[in-house]
Amino acid sequence: MTAEAIRSGTARALRVVREVVGAPDYQRYLEHHARCHPGAAPLDPRAFYAEFVTRRFGPGPTRCC
C-alpha cells in the first residue's frame, strides 16, 4: 500500500466519522463553495467552525456555568 493510498483512505474514514457524529467537514465545505458559489470568498477555517457552533448550540456561552 502506498503512502498516497493510506492518506486517501484516512481522509475518507475521517469524513465518514465526521458525518456520523455531526461534526463539520471544512474540505467538503470548500468543495461545495467552489461548485455553488464561484467568485465568492469562502470562510476561513476558524469562521467556518465558529458558524457551525453557533448554528448547533445557539448564540452565547456553550457551557452550563
Protein backbone atom coordinates (compact mmCIF):
# COMPACT_ATOMS: atom_id res chain seq x y z
CA MET A 1 0.00 0.00 0.00
CA THR A 2 1.41 3.40 -0.95
CA ALA A 3 1.54 6.45 1.27
CA GLU A 4 -0.96 8.21 -1.01
CA ALA A 5 -3.42 5.32 -0.69
CA ILE A 6 -3.10 5.43 3.10
CA ARG A 7 -3.68 9.20 3.17
CA SER A 8 -6.68 8.88 0.87
CA GLY A 9 -8.19 6.08 2.95
CA THR A 10 -7.63 8.02 6.15
CA ALA A 11 -9.27 11.12 4.68
CA ARG A 12 -12.31 9.07 3.62
CA ALA A 13 -12.55 7.46 7.06
CA LEU A 14 -12.37 10.85 8.80
CA ARG A 15 -15.09 12.19 6.50
CA VAL A 16 -17.37 9.30 7.46
CA VAL A 17 -16.66 9.72 11.18
CA ARG A 18 -17.39 13.45 10.99
CA GLU A 19 -20.64 12.77 9.19
CA VAL A 20 -21.71 10.16 11.74
CA VAL A 21 -21.02 12.39 14.77
CA GLY A 22 -22.39 15.54 13.11
CA ALA A 23 -19.09 17.43 13.00
CA PRO A 24 -18.47 19.83 10.13
CA ASP A 25 -16.11 18.93 7.29
CA TYR A 26 -14.18 22.00 6.13
CA GLN A 27 -12.78 20.35 2.99
CA ARG A 28 -16.27 19.29 1.92
CA TYR A 29 -17.48 22.85 2.55
CA LEU A 30 -14.69 24.22 0.32
CA GLU A 31 -15.63 21.80 -2.47
CA HIS A 32 -19.30 22.81 -2.22
CA HIS A 33 -18.44 26.51 -2.07
CA ALA A 34 -16.24 26.31 -5.18
CA ARG A 35 -19.01 24.45 -7.05
CA CYS A 36 -22.00 26.52 -5.99
CA HIS A 37 -20.59 29.95 -5.16
CA PRO A 38 -17.77 30.67 -7.62
CA GLY A 39 -16.26 34.10 -7.22
CA ALA A 40 -17.30 34.45 -3.57
CA ALA A 41 -14.64 34.07 -0.89
CA PRO A 42 -15.17 31.05 1.39
CA LEU A 43 -15.00 31.30 5.17
CA ASP A 44 -11.63 30.63 6.75
CA PRO A 45 -11.47 27.51 8.95
CA ARG A 46 -11.92 29.44 12.20
CA ALA A 47 -15.02 31.31 10.97
CA PHE A 48 -16.41 28.08 9.48
CA TYR A 49 -16.22 26.22 12.80
CA ALA A 50 -17.50 29.25 14.75
CA GLU A 51 -20.55 29.37 12.48
CA PHE A 52 -21.09 25.64 13.00
CA VAL A 53 -21.00 26.01 16.80
CA THR A 54 -23.41 28.96 16.69
CA ARG A 55 -25.86 27.08 14.45
CA ARG A 56 -25.60 23.93 16.55
CA PHE A 57 -25.77 25.40 20.06
CA GLY A 58 -27.14 28.92 19.57
CA PRO A 59 -25.52 32.19 20.46
CA GLY A 60 -23.89 32.77 23.81
CA PRO A 61 -21.91 30.51 26.14
CA THR A 62 -21.89 26.80 25.38
CA ARG A 63 -21.22 25.69 28.94
CA CYS A 64 -23.66 25.31 31.81
CA CYS A 65 -21.95 27.62 34.33
